[in-house]
Amino acid sequence: MPTSRLPVFFLSHGGGPWPWIEQMRGMYARTAREFAALPGRLPSKPAAILVVSGHWEANEFTVATAARPPMEYDYYGFPEHTYHIRYPAPGAPELALRVRALLAGAGVNVAEDARRGFDHGVFVPLSLMYPDADVPILMLSMKSNYDPAEHLRLGRALAPLRDQGVLIVGSGLTYHNMRGFGRDESTPAAEAFEAWLNCAIAEPDAGARNALLADWEQAPAARLAHPREDHLVPLMVVAGAAGDDPGRALFVDHVMKVPMASYEFGAT
């Protein structure tokens, strides 16, 4: 079991099943390179990966307990072959038990789902990081109220896992306005929000950082960047799990005329 504390990542996972579509791979070339390089930033290979994806929400926080999770093709209008993608990583039912115990100890209610599979917020980044699909993956849902404080609290409860070889990943996007992608007028709004987000994450005082994130709607162009915050909320979990560790931008890709940033907390 690894003994060094692992960092935590927020990854902007991009649009749909892009690694499997030739025309889109070129658009996301930098993201592909950066995701593939992430394992090299870790002190050791994770014993497991816990992922909070912007594509899974439930009335209560929920852990996926399948030992062999199926696939969730939660996208529309893509080529037929993208509905047959397989990422055969194992689930992590034993880790699910540990997560439930940690959350119960923190007074956080949690349910379980034995049928939930890997959505593209999970299998896109992790297939690039670990193409051999040899690291167990535990999915944890968002709560559908999107309350930032609750998700920060969730992350704080999960923080001990970092000392047990578990890599915590939030998978979303720093800009997620489906009507804005590819439009010239979206660039200034997306850049303004990402600049604010970058400053908030780099705030050296963790309490101040999390207060800024909890009040994200006051940021410039916040609701233009996120009319619905499903792809931002995973960042709250990651920031909570970071504890006092500082945050920084890993990289910023530019796709469909908007920035897509990924962040790291607790760099080794």
Protein backbone atom coordinates (compact mmCIF):
# COMPACT_ATOMS: atom_id res chain seq x y z
CA MET A 1 0.00 0.00 0.00
CA PRO A 2 1.44 3.42 -0.94
CA THR A 3 2.33 5.54 2.09
CA SER A 4 2.94 8.98 0.55
CA ARG A 5 0.00 11.35 0.54
CA LEU A 6 -1.47 11.66 -2.93
CA PRO A 7 -2.47 14.98 -4.47
CA VAL A 8 -6.03 15.58 -5.68
CA PHE A 9 -7.01 16.56 -9.21
CA PHE A 10 -9.82 18.44 -10.88
CA LEU A 11 -9.82 17.49 -14.56
CA SER A 12 -11.71 19.19 -17.37
CA HIS A 13 -12.65 16.04 -19.27
CA GLY A 14 -13.78 17.61 -22.56
CA GLY A 15 -16.70 16.87 -24.83
CA GLY A 16 -18.19 13.42 -25.19
CA PRO A 17 -16.02 10.43 -26.18
CA TRP A 18 -13.45 12.62 -27.95
CA PRO A 19 -10.41 10.28 -27.70
CA TRP A 20 -12.25 7.78 -29.92
CA ILE A 21 -13.15 10.31 -32.64
CA GLU A 22 -10.35 11.20 -35.06
CA GLN A 23 -11.58 14.72 -35.81
CA MET A 24 -11.79 15.54 -32.10
CA ARG A 25 -8.46 14.04 -31.03
CA GLY A 26 -6.60 16.87 -32.71
CA MET A 27 -8.72 19.46 -30.92
CA TYR A 28 -7.84 17.92 -27.57
CA ALA A 29 -4.22 17.03 -28.31
CA ARG A 30 -2.86 18.94 -25.32
CA THR A 31 -5.45 17.48 -22.94
CA ALA A 32 -4.54 13.99 -24.14
CA ARG A 33 -0.82 14.58 -23.52
CA GLU A 34 -1.40 16.15 -20.10
CA PHE A 35 -3.76 13.41 -18.90
CA ALA A 36 -1.32 10.72 -20.03
CA ALA A 37 1.45 12.43 -18.03
CA LEU A 38 -0.52 12.69 -14.76
CA PRO A 39 0.55 9.30 -13.33
CA GLY A 40 4.13 10.55 -13.46
CA ARG A 41 3.21 13.31 -11.02
CA LEU A 42 2.22 10.81 -8.33
CA PRO A 43 4.61 9.42 -5.72
CA SER A 44 3.32 5.91 -6.43
CA LYS A 45 0.63 4.13 -8.40
CA PRO A 46 -2.72 4.53 -6.64
CA ALA A 47 -4.28 1.58 -4.90
CA ALA A 48 -7.62 2.91 -6.19
CA ILE A 49 -9.16 6.02 -7.72
CA LEU A 50 -12.25 7.75 -6.36
CA VAL A 51 -14.01 9.82 -9.01
CA VAL A 52 -16.76 12.40 -8.65
CA SER A 53 -18.05 13.04 -12.17
CA GLY A 54 -20.18 15.91 -13.39
CA HIS A 55 -22.33 13.26 -15.08
CA TRP A 56 -23.67 11.55 -11.95
CA GLU A 57 -25.93 13.17 -9.43
CA ALA A 58 -28.43 11.67 -7.00
CA ASN A 59 -30.79 12.84 -4.27
CA GLU A 60 -28.22 11.65 -1.73
CA PHE A 61 -24.50 11.14 -2.08
CA THR A 62 -24.19 7.64 -3.52
CA VAL A 63 -21.33 5.19 -4.00
CA ALA A 64 -21.21 2.69 -6.84
CA THR A 65 -20.60 -0.79 -5.45
CA ALA A 66 -20.32 -2.99 -8.57
CA ALA A 67 -17.18 -5.12 -8.69
CA ARG A 68 -17.30 -4.96 -12.51
CA PRO A 69 -18.98 -1.69 -13.44
CA PRO A 70 -20.77 -1.49 -16.79
CA MET A 71 -20.51 1.45 -19.20
CA GLU A 72 -22.79 4.50 -19.31
CA TYR A 73 -22.97 6.04 -22.78
CA ASP A 74 -24.44 9.31 -21.60
CA TYR A 75 -23.97 11.32 -24.80
CA TYR A 76 -25.92 11.76 -28.00
CA GLY A 77 -25.24 12.13 -31.71
CA PHE A 78 -21.78 10.56 -31.81
CA PRO A 79 -20.59 7.80 -34.18
CA GLU A 80 -21.92 4.31 -33.56
CA HIS A 81 -18.57 2.90 -32.48
CA THR A 82 -18.51 5.27 -29.48
CA TYR A 83 -21.45 3.35 -28.01
CA HIS A 84 -19.30 0.22 -27.82
CA ILE A 85 -16.30 1.67 -25.98
CA ARG A 86 -15.06 -0.53 -23.17
CA TYR A 87 -12.94 0.51 -20.21
CA PRO A 88 -12.75 -2.71 -18.17
CA ALA A 89 -11.27 -1.34 -14.95
CA PRO A 90 -12.49 -3.11 -11.81
CA GLY A 91 -14.75 -1.46 -9.30
CA ALA A 92 -13.75 -0.98 -5.68
CA PRO A 93 -16.51 -2.36 -3.42
CA GLU A 94 -14.17 -2.61 -0.42
CA LEU A 95 -13.27 1.06 -0.80
CA ALA A 96 -16.99 1.81 -1.01
CA LEU A 97 -17.37 0.39 2.49
CA ARG A 98 -14.53 2.59 3.76
CA VAL A 99 -16.06 5.66 2.13
CA ARG A 100 -19.43 4.94 3.69
CA ALA A 101 -17.78 4.65 7.11
CA LEU A 102 -15.88 7.92 6.68
CA LEU A 103 -18.98 9.77 5.58
CA ALA A 104 -21.11 8.31 8.35
CA GLY A 105 -18.49 9.42 10.85
CA ALA A 106 -18.76 12.94 9.46
CA GLY A 107 -22.56 12.89 9.65
CA VAL A 108 -22.96 12.70 5.85
CA ASN A 109 -25.74 10.44 4.58
CA VAL A 110 -24.69 8.14 1.74
CA ALA A 111 -26.56 5.58 -0.36
CA GLU A 112 -25.23 2.88 -2.66
CA ASP A 113 -25.91 1.81 -6.24
CA ALA A 114 -24.87 -1.64 -7.44
CA ARG A 115 -25.66 -0.93 -11.10
CA ARG A 116 -24.00 2.40 -11.85
CA GLY A 117 -21.39 2.25 -14.62
CA PHE A 118 -18.53 4.40 -15.93
CA ASP A 119 -19.77 7.57 -17.64
CA HIS A 120 -17.50 9.53 -19.97
CA GLY A 121 -16.48 11.85 -17.13
CA VAL A 122 -14.82 8.72 -15.72
CA PHE A 123 -13.62 6.67 -18.67
CA VAL A 124 -12.28 9.54 -20.80
CA PRO A 125 -9.63 10.88 -18.38
CA LEU A 126 -8.85 7.55 -16.73
CA SER A 127 -8.40 5.66 -20.00
CA LEU A 128 -5.73 8.21 -20.91
CA MET A 129 -4.10 8.06 -17.49
CA TYR A 130 -4.26 4.29 -17.07
CA PRO A 131 -4.89 2.71 -20.49
CA ASP A 132 -4.36 -0.79 -19.09
CA ALA A 133 -7.47 -0.32 -16.90
CA ASP A 134 -5.60 -1.90 -14.00
CA VAL A 135 -6.50 0.50 -11.17
CA PRO A 136 -9.79 -0.07 -9.27
CA ILE A 137 -12.25 2.81 -9.60
CA LEU A 138 -14.92 3.93 -7.17
CA MET A 139 -17.54 6.37 -8.38
CA LEU A 140 -19.19 8.75 -5.93
CA SER A 141 -22.12 10.87 -7.00
CA MET A 142 -22.76 14.53 -6.49
CA LYS A 143 -25.84 15.52 -4.53
CA SER A 144 -28.44 16.99 -6.84
CA ASN A 145 -28.93 20.14 -4.77
CA TYR A 146 -25.41 21.25 -5.87
CA ASP A 147 -24.86 22.92 -2.48
CA PRO A 148 -21.18 23.99 -2.51
CA ALA A 149 -20.87 23.79 1.27
CA GLU A 150 -22.15 20.21 1.36
CA HIS A 151 -19.73 19.15 -1.35
CA LEU A 152 -16.79 20.85 0.36
CA ARG A 153 -17.78 19.04 3.54
CA LEU A 154 -17.95 15.77 1.62
CA GLY A 155 -14.43 16.34 0.36
CA ARG A 156 -13.11 17.06 3.85
CA ALA A 157 -14.53 13.75 5.06
CA LEU A 158 -12.77 11.92 2.23
CA ALA A 159 -9.36 13.48 2.85
CA PRO A 160 -7.95 10.56 4.94
CA LEU A 161 -8.11 8.37 1.84
CA ARG A 162 -5.21 10.33 0.38
CA ASP A 163 -2.92 8.74 2.98
CA GLN A 164 -4.21 5.28 2.04
CA GLY A 165 -3.18 5.29 -1.60
CA VAL A 166 -6.48 6.58 -3.00
CA LEU A 167 -6.34 9.21 -5.74
CA ILE A 168 -9.32 11.58 -5.53
CA VAL A 169 -10.40 13.05 -8.87
CA GLY A 170 -13.13 15.55 -9.67
CA SER A 171 -14.11 15.34 -13.33
CA GLY A 172 -16.00 18.23 -14.91
CA LEU A 173 -15.30 21.37 -16.92
CA THR A 174 -14.40 24.93 -16.00
CA TYR A 175 -16.84 26.10 -18.71
CA HIS A 176 -20.03 24.18 -19.43
CA ASN A 177 -22.58 26.19 -21.37
CA MET A 178 -23.82 23.94 -24.15
CA ARG A 179 -25.14 26.91 -26.13
CA GLY A 180 -21.86 28.74 -25.88
CA PHE A 181 -19.33 26.23 -27.17
CA GLY A 182 -17.76 27.32 -30.44
CA ARG A 183 -19.11 30.88 -30.37
CA ASP A 184 -16.80 33.89 -30.51
CA GLU A 185 -18.90 35.74 -27.95
CA SER A 186 -18.32 32.97 -25.41
CA THR A 187 -14.56 33.49 -25.22
CA PRO A 188 -14.52 36.65 -23.04
CA ALA A 189 -17.00 35.23 -20.53
CA ALA A 190 -15.21 31.88 -20.32
CA GLU A 191 -11.84 33.56 -19.89
CA ALA A 192 -13.14 35.93 -17.21
CA PHE A 193 -14.58 33.08 -15.17
CA GLU A 194 -11.49 30.89 -15.58
CA ALA A 195 -9.23 33.78 -14.51
CA TRP A 196 -11.30 34.23 -11.35
CA LEU A 197 -11.31 30.48 -10.72
CA ASN A 198 -7.54 30.29 -11.14
CA CYS A 199 -7.06 33.07 -8.57
CA ALA A 200 -9.48 31.45 -6.15
CA ILE A 201 -7.72 28.10 -6.36
CA ALA A 202 -4.30 29.70 -5.92
CA GLU A 203 -5.44 31.49 -2.73
CA PRO A 204 -2.90 30.28 -0.13
CA ASP A 205 -5.34 30.27 2.77
CA ALA A 206 -7.52 27.18 2.36
CA GLY A 207 -10.39 28.67 4.34
CA ALA A 208 -10.45 31.75 2.15
CA ARG A 209 -10.13 29.62 -0.99
CA ASN A 210 -13.08 27.45 -0.05
CA ALA A 211 -15.16 30.48 0.90
CA LEU A 212 -14.54 31.91 -2.56
CA LEU A 213 -15.49 28.63 -4.22
CA ALA A 214 -18.63 28.32 -2.11
CA ASP A 215 -19.65 31.80 -3.34
CA TRP A 216 -18.74 31.08 -6.97
CA GLU A 217 -21.93 32.63 -8.35
CA GLN A 218 -20.49 36.07 -7.51
CA ALA A 219 -17.58 35.50 -9.91
CA PRO A 220 -17.43 37.35 -13.24
CA ALA A 221 -19.61 35.67 -15.87
CA ALA A 222 -20.36 32.81 -13.47
CA ARG A 223 -23.79 31.90 -14.82
CA LEU A 224 -22.66 32.42 -18.42
CA ALA A 225 -19.96 29.83 -17.81
CA HIS A 226 -22.19 27.49 -15.81
CA PRO A 227 -25.94 27.91 -16.39
CA ARG A 228 -26.18 24.63 -14.45
CA GLU A 229 -23.24 23.86 -12.18
CA ASP A 230 -23.07 20.08 -12.54
CA HIS A 231 -19.60 20.29 -14.12
CA LEU A 232 -18.26 22.70 -11.48
CA VAL A 233 -19.44 20.94 -8.31
CA PRO A 234 -16.80 18.16 -8.52
CA LEU A 235 -14.23 20.91 -7.92
CA MET A 236 -15.84 21.60 -4.54
CA VAL A 237 -15.27 18.00 -3.47
CA VAL A 238 -11.65 18.14 -4.57
CA ALA A 239 -11.03 21.44 -2.77
CA GLY A 240 -12.50 20.00 0.42
CA ALA A 241 -10.31 16.90 0.15
CA ALA A 242 -7.26 19.11 -0.39
CA GLY A 243 -7.39 20.32 3.21
CA ASP A 244 -4.71 22.97 3.71
CA ASP A 245 -2.76 21.91 0.63
CA PRO A 246 -2.30 24.67 -1.95
CA GLY A 247 -3.86 24.55 -5.40
CA ARG A 248 -2.48 25.40 -8.78
CA ALA A 249 -3.38 25.17 -12.44
CA LEU A 250 -2.04 22.02 -14.08
CA PHE A 251 -2.75 23.26 -17.59
CA VAL A 252 -5.35 25.12 -19.61
CA ASP A 253 -6.45 23.77 -22.97
CA HIS A 254 -8.45 25.88 -25.43
CA VAL A 255 -11.16 24.00 -27.30
CA MET A 256 -14.31 25.25 -29.05
CA LYS A 257 -13.26 28.85 -28.31
CA VAL A 258 -13.24 28.48 -24.51
CA PRO A 259 -10.58 27.58 -21.93
CA MET A 260 -10.76 24.20 -20.22
CA ALA A 261 -8.58 24.20 -17.12
CA SER A 262 -7.41 21.37 -14.88
CA TYR A 263 -6.11 21.84 -11.33
CA GLU A 264 -3.95 20.09 -8.77
CA PHE A 265 -3.89 20.41 -4.98
CA GLY A 266 -1.06 19.06 -2.84
CA ALA A 267 1.61 18.65 -5.51
CA THR A 268 4.41 16.26 -4.56
